[in-house]
C-alpha atoms as a PDB file:
ATOM      1  CA  MET A   1       0.000   0.000   0.000  1.00  0.00           C
ATOM      2  CA  PRO A   2       2.640   2.661   0.879  1.00  0.00           C
ATOM      3  CA  ASP A   3       4.272   2.222  -2.534  1.00  0.00           C
ATOM      4  CA  LYS A   4       1.267   3.897  -4.104  1.00  0.00           C
ATOM      5  CA  PHE A   5       2.006   7.217  -2.461  1.00  0.00           C
ATOM      6  CA  PRO A   6       4.637   9.741  -3.519  1.00  0.00           C
ATOM      7  CA  PRO A   7       7.693  10.028  -1.248  1.00  0.00           C
ATOM      8  CA  ILE A   8       6.597  13.370   0.186  1.00  0.00           C
ATOM      9  CA  VAL A   9       6.406  13.547   3.962  1.00  0.00           C
ATOM     10  CA  SER A  10       6.471  16.119   6.662  1.00  0.00           C
ATOM     11  CA  ALA A  11       9.695  17.632   7.904  1.00  0.00           C
ATOM     12  CA  ALA A  12       8.476  17.456  11.469  1.00  0.00           C
ATOM     13  CA  SER A  13       7.720  13.752  11.198  1.00  0.00           C
ATOM     14  CA  GLY A  14      11.383  12.979  10.689  1.00  0.00           C
ATOM     15  CA  GLN A  15      10.566  10.522   7.918  1.00  0.00           C
ATOM     16  CA  GLY A  16      12.110  12.339   4.989  1.00  0.00           C
ATOM     17  CA  PRO A  17      12.531  15.628   3.117  1.00  0.00           C
ATOM     18  CA  VAL A  18       9.861  18.048   1.993  1.00  0.00           C
ATOM     19  CA  ALA A  19      10.027  19.906  -1.313  1.00  0.00           C
ATOM     20  CA  ILE A  20      10.940  23.305   0.149  1.00  0.00           C
ATOM     21  CA  PRO A  21      12.456  25.821  -2.273  1.00  0.00           C
ATOM     22  CA  VAL A  22      16.085  26.602  -1.512  1.00  0.00           C
ATOM     23  CA  VAL A  23      16.924  30.219  -2.257  1.00  0.00           C
ATOM     24  CA  ASP A  24      20.441  31.651  -2.044  1.00  0.00           C
ATOM     25  CA  ARG A  25      19.923  34.942  -0.241  1.00  0.00           C
ATOM     26  CA  ARG A  26      23.569  35.978  -0.242  1.00  0.00           C
ATOM     27  CA  GLY A  27      24.009  39.296  -1.991  1.00  0.00           C
ATOM     28  CA  GLN A  28      20.303  40.118  -1.754  1.00  0.00           C
ATOM     29  CA  SER A  29      19.111  43.326  -0.159  1.00  0.00           C
ATOM     30  CA  ARG A  30      17.207  43.151   3.096  1.00  0.00           C
ATOM     31  CA  ARG A  31      14.023  44.102   1.275  1.00  0.00           C
ATOM     32  CA  ALA A  32      14.534  41.278  -1.236  1.00  0.00           C
ATOM     33  CA  GLN A  33      15.146  38.794   1.582  1.00  0.00           C
ATOM     34  CA  ASP A  34      11.976  39.919   3.336  1.00  0.00           C
ATOM     35  CA  ARG A  35      10.043  39.499   0.074  1.00  0.00           C
ATOM     36  CA  VAL A  36      11.325  35.926  -0.256  1.00  0.00           C
ATOM     37  CA  ILE A  37      10.242  35.129   3.296  1.00  0.00           C
ATOM     38  CA  ASP A  38       6.819  36.660   2.677  1.00  0.00           C
ATOM     39  CA  ASP A  39       6.415  34.615  -0.506  1.00  0.00           C
ATOM     40  CA  LEU A  40       7.348  31.378   1.240  1.00  0.00           C
ATOM     41  CA  HIS A  41       4.871  32.028   4.031  1.00  0.00           C
ATOM     42  CA  SER A  42       2.021  33.186   1.767  1.00  0.00           C
ATOM     43  CA  THR A  43       2.353  29.996  -0.287  1.00  0.00           C
ATOM     44  CA  PHE A  44       2.780  27.746   2.776  1.00  0.00           C
ATOM     45  CA  SER A  45       6.136  26.695   1.318  1.00  0.00           C
ATOM     46  CA  SER A  46       8.345  27.064   4.393  1.00  0.00           C
ATOM     47  CA  SER A  47       9.161  24.344   6.909  1.00  0.00           C
ATOM     48  CA  HIS A  48       7.487  26.424   9.610  1.00  0.00           C
ATOM     49  CA  CYS A  49       4.255  26.514   7.601  1.00  0.00           C
ATOM     50  CA  HIS A  50       4.429  22.763   7.086  1.00  0.00           C
ATOM     51  CA  THR A  51       4.760  22.251  10.822  1.00  0.00           C
ATOM     52  CA  CYS A  52       1.706  24.444  11.409  1.00  0.00           C
ATOM     53  CA  LEU A  53      -0.298  22.488   8.828  1.00  0.00           C
ATOM     54  CA  GLU A  54       0.599  19.261  10.613  1.00  0.00           C
ATOM     55  CA  ARG A  55      -0.930  20.556  13.812  1.00  0.00           C
ATOM     56  CA  MET A  56      -4.262  21.413  12.212  1.00  0.00           C
ATOM     57  CA  SER A  57      -7.261  19.223  12.885  1.00  0.00           C
ATOM     58  CA  ASP A  58      -7.981  19.263   9.132  1.00  0.00           C
ATOM     59  CA  ALA A  59      -5.874  17.122   6.803  1.00  0.00           C
ATOM     60  CA  ALA A  60      -3.760  19.322   4.507  1.00  0.00           C
ATOM     61  CA  LEU A  61      -2.256  18.909   1.044  1.00  0.00           C
ATOM     62  CA  LEU A  62      -0.176  21.384  -0.971  1.00  0.00           C
ATOM     63  CA  LEU A  63      -0.101  21.259  -4.779  1.00  0.00           C
ATOM     64  CA  ASP A  64       2.002  23.126  -7.301  1.00  0.00           C
ATOM     65  CA  SER A  65       0.604  24.772 -10.425  1.00  0.00           C
ATOM     66  CA  GLU A  66       0.803  21.438 -12.272  1.00  0.00           C
ATOM     67  CA  MET A  67      -1.222  19.638  -9.564  1.00  0.00           C
ATOM     68  CA  ARG A  68       1.797  17.742  -8.272  1.00  0.00           C
ATOM     69  CA  VAL A  69       1.874  16.977  -4.552  1.00  0.00           C
ATOM     70  CA  LEU A  70       4.449  19.078  -2.684  1.00  0.00           C
ATOM     71  CA  PHE A  71       3.372  18.357   0.875  1.00  0.00           C
ATOM     72  CA  MET A  72       1.015  15.955   2.597  1.00  0.00           C
ATOM     73  CA  SER A  73       0.221  16.110   6.282  1.00  0.00           C
ATOM     74  CA  PRO A  74       0.207  12.814   8.210  1.00  0.00           C
ATOM     75  CA  SER A  75      -3.546  13.158   8.799  1.00  0.00           C
ATOM     76  CA  PHE A  76      -4.161  13.511   5.045  1.00  0.00           C
ATOM     77  CA  ARG A  77      -2.001  10.450   4.360  1.00  0.00           C
ATOM     78  CA  SER A  78      -3.993   8.401   6.871  1.00  0.00           C
ATOM     79  CA  MET A  79      -7.319   9.549   5.382  1.00  0.00           C
ATOM     80  CA  VAL A  80      -6.392   8.686   1.786  1.00  0.00           C
ATOM     81  CA  GLN A  81      -5.135   5.208   2.664  1.00  0.00           C
ATOM     82  CA  THR A  82      -8.564   3.624   2.420  1.00  0.00           C
ATOM     83  CA  PRO A  83      -9.872   0.666   0.402  1.00  0.00           C
ATOM     84  CA  ASP A  84     -12.167   3.009  -1.543  1.00  0.00           C
ATOM     85  CA  GLU A  85      -9.192   4.834  -3.097  1.00  0.00           C
ATOM     86  CA  LEU A  86     -10.933   8.133  -3.746  1.00  0.00           C
ATOM     87  CA  PHE A  87      -7.712   9.891  -4.725  1.00  0.00           C
ATOM     88  CA  VAL A  88      -4.949   9.706  -7.299  1.00  0.00           C
ATOM     89  CA  LEU A  89      -1.718  11.131  -5.862  1.00  0.00           C
ATOM     90  CA  ALA A  90       0.877  10.443  -8.558  1.00  0.00           C
ATOM     91  CA  PRO A  91       2.035  11.673 -10.948  1.00  0.00           C
ATOM     92  CA  LYS A  92      -0.595  14.391 -10.286  1.00  0.00           C
ATOM     93  CA  PHE A  93      -3.316  14.808  -7.692  1.00  0.00           C
ATOM     94  CA  GLY A  94      -6.819  13.936  -8.798  1.00  0.00           C
ATOM     95  CA  LEU A  95     -10.079  12.184  -7.946  1.00  0.00           C
ATOM     96  CA  ARG A  96     -10.977   8.774  -9.321  1.00  0.00           C
ATOM     97  CA  ASP A  97     -14.689   9.422  -9.723  1.00  0.00           C
ATOM     98  CA  PRO A  98     -15.184  11.151 -13.120  1.00  0.00           C
ATOM     99  CA  ALA A  99     -17.915  13.511 -11.845  1.00  0.00           C
ATOM    100  CA  ASP A 100     -15.843  14.503  -8.808  1.00  0.00           C
ATOM    101  CA  ALA A 101     -12.783  14.930 -11.023  1.00  0.00           C
ATOM    102  CA  ARG A 102     -14.655  17.331 -13.321  1.00  0.00           C
ATOM    103  CA  ARG A 103     -15.940  19.323 -10.362  1.00  0.00           C
ATOM    104  CA  LEU A 104     -12.456  19.528  -8.847  1.00  0.00           C
ATOM    105  CA  ALA A 105     -11.055  20.759 -12.168  1.00  0.00           C
ATOM    106  CA  GLU A 106     -13.714  23.488 -12.212  1.00  0.00           C
ATOM    107  CA  LEU A 107     -12.819  24.552  -8.664  1.00  0.00           C
ATOM    108  CA  LEU A 108      -9.115  24.689  -9.440  1.00  0.00           C
ATOM    109  CA  SER A 109      -9.563  26.660 -12.653  1.00  0.00           C
ATOM    110  CA  ALA A 110     -12.145  29.109 -11.308  1.00  0.00           C
ATOM    111  CA  PRO A 111     -10.948  32.638 -10.532  1.00  0.00           C
ATOM    112  CA  SER A 112     -10.320  33.191  -6.852  1.00  0.00           C
ATOM    113  CA  GLN A 113     -13.000  34.930  -4.821  1.00  0.00           C
ATOM    114  CA  ASP A 114     -12.155  36.691  -1.578  1.00  0.00           C
ATOM    115  CA  ASN A 115     -15.283  35.539   0.236  1.00  0.00           C
ATOM    116  CA  GLU A 116     -15.674  32.122  -1.327  1.00  0.00           C
ATOM    117  CA  LYS A 117     -14.134  28.802  -0.339  1.00  0.00           C
ATOM    118  CA  PRO A 118     -14.843  26.316  -3.125  1.00  0.00           C
ATOM    119  CA  CYS A 119     -15.567  22.907  -1.670  1.00  0.00           C
ATOM    120  CA  LEU A 120     -16.627  19.444  -2.751  1.00  0.00           C
ATOM    121  CA  MET A 121     -18.351  16.613  -0.905  1.00  0.00           C
ATOM    122  CA  LEU A 122     -16.830  13.159  -1.444  1.00  0.00           C
ATOM    123  CA  HIS A 123     -18.539   9.922  -0.448  1.00  0.00           C
ATOM    124  CA  GLU A 124     -16.474   6.889   0.532  1.00  0.00           C
ATOM    125  CA  GLY A 125     -18.128   3.854  -0.966  1.00  0.00           C
ATOM    126  CA  GLY A 126     -21.656   3.484   0.406  1.00  0.00           C
ATOM    127  CA  SER A 127     -20.999   5.593   3.484  1.00  0.00           C
ATOM    128  CA  PRO A 128     -23.645   8.307   4.056  1.00  0.00           C
ATOM    129  CA  ILE A 129     -21.032  10.463   5.805  1.00  0.00           C
ATOM    130  CA  PRO A 130     -19.116  12.504   3.221  1.00  0.00           C
ATOM    131  CA  LEU A 131     -15.633  13.952   3.323  1.00  0.00           C
ATOM    132  CA  LEU A 132     -15.449  17.671   2.722  1.00  0.00           C
ATOM    133  CA  LEU A 133     -12.656  18.787   0.384  1.00  0.00           C
ATOM    134  CA  THR A 134     -11.982  22.533   0.368  1.00  0.00           C
ATOM    135  CA  VAL A 135      -9.749  24.255  -2.205  1.00  0.00           C
ATOM    136  CA  PHE A 136      -7.776  27.433  -1.492  1.00  0.00           C
ATOM    137  CA  ARG A 137      -5.917  29.197  -4.294  1.00  0.00           C
ATOM    138  CA  LEU A 138      -2.644  30.594  -2.946  1.00  0.00           C
ATOM    139  CA  PRO A 139      -1.141  33.916  -4.095  1.00  0.00           C
ATOM    140  CA  LYS A 140       1.527  33.881  -6.751  1.00  0.00           C
ATOM    141  CA  PRO A 141       5.010  34.683  -5.384  1.00  0.00           C
ATOM    142  CA  LYS A 142       6.477  38.055  -6.285  1.00  0.00           C
ATOM    143  CA  THR A 143      10.030  36.734  -6.168  1.00  0.00           C
ATOM    144  CA  PRO A 144      11.286  35.496  -9.586  1.00  0.00           C
ATOM    145  CA  ASP A 145      12.851  32.032  -9.771  1.00  0.00           C
ATOM    146  CA  LEU A 146      11.687  31.172  -6.267  1.00  0.00           C
ATOM    147  CA  GLY A 147      11.271  27.543  -7.164  1.00  0.00           C
ATOM    148  CA  ASN A 148       8.413  25.092  -7.124  1.00  0.00           C
ATOM    149  CA  VAL A 149       6.187  26.695  -4.501  1.00  0.00           C
ATOM    150  CA  ALA A 150       2.606  25.715  -3.701  1.00  0.00           C
ATOM    151  CA  SER A 151      -0.263  27.089  -5.778  1.00  0.00           C
ATOM    152  CA  PHE A 152      -3.157  25.318  -4.020  1.00  0.00           C
ATOM    153  CA  LEU A 153      -3.960  24.298  -0.460  1.00  0.00           C
ATOM    154  CA  ILE A 154      -6.373  21.372  -0.142  1.00  0.00           C
ATOM    155  CA  LEU A 155      -8.065  20.687   3.198  1.00  0.00           C
ATOM    156  CA  LEU A 156      -9.909  17.447   3.857  1.00  0.00           C
ATOM    157  CA  ARG A 157     -12.114  16.624   6.820  1.00  0.00           C
ATOM    158  CA  ASP A 158     -14.796  14.208   7.935  1.00  0.00           C
ATOM    159  CA  SER A 159     -17.823  16.493   7.748  1.00  0.00           C
ATOM    160  CA  SER A 160     -19.677  14.543  10.451  1.00  0.00           C
ATOM    161  CA  ARG A 161     -17.099  15.369  13.112  1.00  0.00           C
ATOM    162  CA  PHE A 162     -16.345  18.506  15.020  1.00  0.00           C
ATOM    163  CA  PRO A 163     -12.845  17.833  16.371  1.00  0.00           C
ATOM    164  CA  GLN A 164     -12.084  21.363  17.441  1.00  0.00           C
ATOM    165  CA  GLN A 165     -12.918  22.335  20.989  1.00  0.00           C
ATOM    166  CA  GLN A 166     -14.117  25.686  19.687  1.00  0.00           C
ATOM    167  CA  TRP A 167     -16.887  23.970  17.742  1.00  0.00           C
ATOM    168  CA  GLN A 168     -18.156  22.261  20.863  1.00  0.00           C
ATOM    169  CA  LEU A 169     -18.063  25.586  22.663  1.00  0.00           C
ATOM    170  CA  PHE A 170     -20.144  27.129  19.873  1.00  0.00           C
ATOM    171  CA  ILE A 171     -22.649  24.250  19.970  1.00  0.00           C
ATOM    172  CA  ASP A 172     -22.968  24.361  23.753  1.00  0.00           C
ATOM    173  CA  GLN A 173     -23.181  28.139  23.908  1.00  0.00           C
ATOM    174  CA  PHE A 174     -26.227  28.270  21.642  1.00  0.00           C
ATOM    175  CA  GLN A 175     -27.644  24.824  22.500  1.00  0.00           C
ATOM    176  CA  LEU A 176     -27.664  23.631  18.897  1.00  0.00           C
ATOM    177  CA  THR A 177     -28.945  20.231  17.874  1.00  0.00           C
ATOM    178  CA  SER A 178     -26.659  17.903  15.910  1.00  0.00           C
ATOM    179  CA  ALA A 179     -28.509  18.750  12.684  1.00  0.00           C
ATOM    180  CA  GLU A 180     -28.209  22.489  13.354  1.00  0.00           C
ATOM    181  CA  ALA A 181     -24.509  22.131  14.133  1.00  0.00           C
ATOM    182  CA  ARG A 182     -24.016  20.190  10.886  1.00  0.00           C
ATOM    183  CA  LEU A 183     -25.697  22.967   8.908  1.00  0.00           C
ATOM    184  CA  CYS A 184     -23.537  25.625  10.604  1.00  0.00           C
ATOM    185  CA  ARG A 185     -20.398  23.671   9.758  1.00  0.00           C
ATOM    186  CA  ALA A 186     -21.482  23.302   6.140  1.00  0.00           C
ATOM    187  CA  LEU A 187     -22.192  27.021   5.786  1.00  0.00           C
ATOM    188  CA  ALA A 188     -18.867  27.914   7.418  1.00  0.00           C
ATOM    189  CA  ASP A 189     -17.066  25.618   4.983  1.00  0.00           C
ATOM    190  CA  GLY A 190     -18.576  27.379   1.981  1.00  0.00           C
ATOM    191  CA  LEU A 191     -21.613  25.282   1.035  1.00  0.00           C
ATOM    192  CA  THR A 192     -24.754  27.063  -0.087  1.00  0.00           C
ATOM    193  CA  LEU A 193     -28.069  26.092   1.459  1.00  0.00           C
ATOM    194  CA  SER A 194     -29.078  24.284  -1.730  1.00  0.00           C
ATOM    195  CA  GLY A 195     -25.721  22.517  -1.823  1.00  0.00           C
ATOM    196  CA  TYR A 196     -26.227  21.420   1.771  1.00  0.00           C
ATOM    197  CA  CYS A 197     -29.656  20.018   0.909  1.00  0.00           C
ATOM    198  CA  GLU A 198     -28.250  18.085  -2.023  1.00  0.00           C
ATOM    199  CA  GLN A 199     -25.278  16.620  -0.193  1.00  0.00           C
ATOM    200  CA  TRP A 200     -27.109  15.716   3.015  1.00  0.00           C
ATOM    201  CA  ARG A 201     -30.345  14.668   1.316  1.00  0.00           C
ATOM    202  CA  VAL A 202     -32.643  17.012   3.252  1.00  0.00           C
ATOM    203  CA  THR A 203     -35.491  19.041   1.816  1.00  0.00           C
ATOM    204  CA  ALA A 204     -35.249  22.780   1.287  1.00  0.00           C
ATOM    205  CA  ASN A 205     -38.068  23.311   3.797  1.00  0.00           C
ATOM    206  CA  THR A 206     -36.199  21.317   6.444  1.00  0.00           C
ATOM    207  CA  ALA A 207     -32.987  23.256   5.853  1.00  0.00           C
ATOM    208  CA  ARG A 208     -34.785  26.611   5.966  1.00  0.00           C
ATOM    209  CA  SER A 209     -36.522  25.573   9.188  1.00  0.00           C
ATOM    210  CA  GLN A 210     -33.198  24.566  10.740  1.00  0.00           C
ATOM    211  CA  LEU A 211     -31.614  27.831   9.639  1.00  0.00           C
ATOM    212  CA  LYS A 212     -34.531  29.815  11.101  1.00  0.00           C
ATOM    213  CA  ASP A 213     -34.063  28.057  14.444  1.00  0.00           C
ATOM    214  CA  ILE A 214     -30.310  28.736  14.309  1.00  0.00           C
ATOM    215  CA  PHE A 215     -30.956  32.434  13.644  1.00  0.00           C
ATOM    216  CA  ALA A 216     -33.252  32.557  16.669  1.00  0.00           C
ATOM    217  CA  LYS A 217     -30.765  30.795  18.961  1.00  0.00           C
ATOM    218  CA  THR A 218     -27.785  32.882  17.843  1.00  0.00           C
ATOM    219  CA  SER A 219     -29.665  36.217  17.552  1.00  0.00           C
ATOM    220  CA  THR A 220     -28.569  36.607  13.927  1.00  0.00           C
ATOM    221  CA  ARG A 221     -30.657  37.517  10.899  1.00  0.00           C
ATOM    222  CA  ARG A 222     -28.492  36.735   7.871  1.00  0.00           C
ATOM    223  CA  GLN A 223     -26.191  33.920   6.828  1.00  0.00           C
ATOM    224  CA  VAL A 224     -23.250  36.302   6.612  1.00  0.00           C
ATOM    225  CA  ASP A 225     -23.819  37.333  10.259  1.00  0.00           C
ATOM    226  CA  LEU A 226     -24.097  33.700  11.301  1.00  0.00           C
ATOM    227  CA  THR A 227     -20.907  32.796   9.442  1.00  0.00           C
ATOM    228  CA  ARG A 228     -19.068  35.675  11.094  1.00  0.00           C
ATOM    229  CA  LEU A 229     -20.249  34.481  14.508  1.00  0.00           C
ATOM    230  CA  ILE A 230     -19.134  30.934  13.757  1.00  0.00           C
ATOM    231  CA  PHE A 231     -15.682  32.156  12.791  1.00  0.00           C
ATOM    232  CA  LEU A 232     -15.421  34.212  15.983  1.00  0.00           C
ATOM    233  CA  PHE A 233     -15.928  31.042  17.986  1.00  0.00           C
ATOM    234  CA  THR A 234     -14.092  28.480  15.869  1.00  0.00           C
ATOM    235  CA  ARG A 235     -11.338  30.185  13.902  1.00  0.00           C
ATOM    236  CA  GLY A 236     -10.280  32.988  16.208  1.00  0.00           C
END
């Protein structure tokens, strides 16, 4: 099984090297050096960034502009090593299901939106619990010849779980039901209400009723206000 995966591991795991660009800064001005550091951090291409990604509850994957895997967190590696084999990791990252693959290609090619987090629900075999794959387009580095830095950050999580303590605090604070908490998580991860209905197989009336109850419990009136409140509790 391990032979199927590319030899890209975390620096902090001590299992091997990570594809981190090596830049000779000798002879560069201080401003140029600072620009290199900023570029490495903004593209999650430094060893420090990789260590931070490893500590996230979400599984993380970094891809270059050609969709090649540059970094894979241990949690991502453990999630993709399943009998269902949802993913293709070499020579380029992809999804085995043709419909999911087309949708992923659309997400990766779409122009970036400041307030949008393109995401995709993936189902493992016959499991009713999907995995949520979120795509983040990273900024292009300003430094020329910086090397093969990351262009995309992929986050993967089991959408039925709320591993972060902040989520439980949010749920307890407003006394949300499990269905209401699931809807809040979906909205925070970028799903529309119609997309939530489709992926979780609930009717539009049920979803609107749940959202109305959430608004009442959280004293919010709009989805944008609810999302902001969720982020204050969970991503602060």
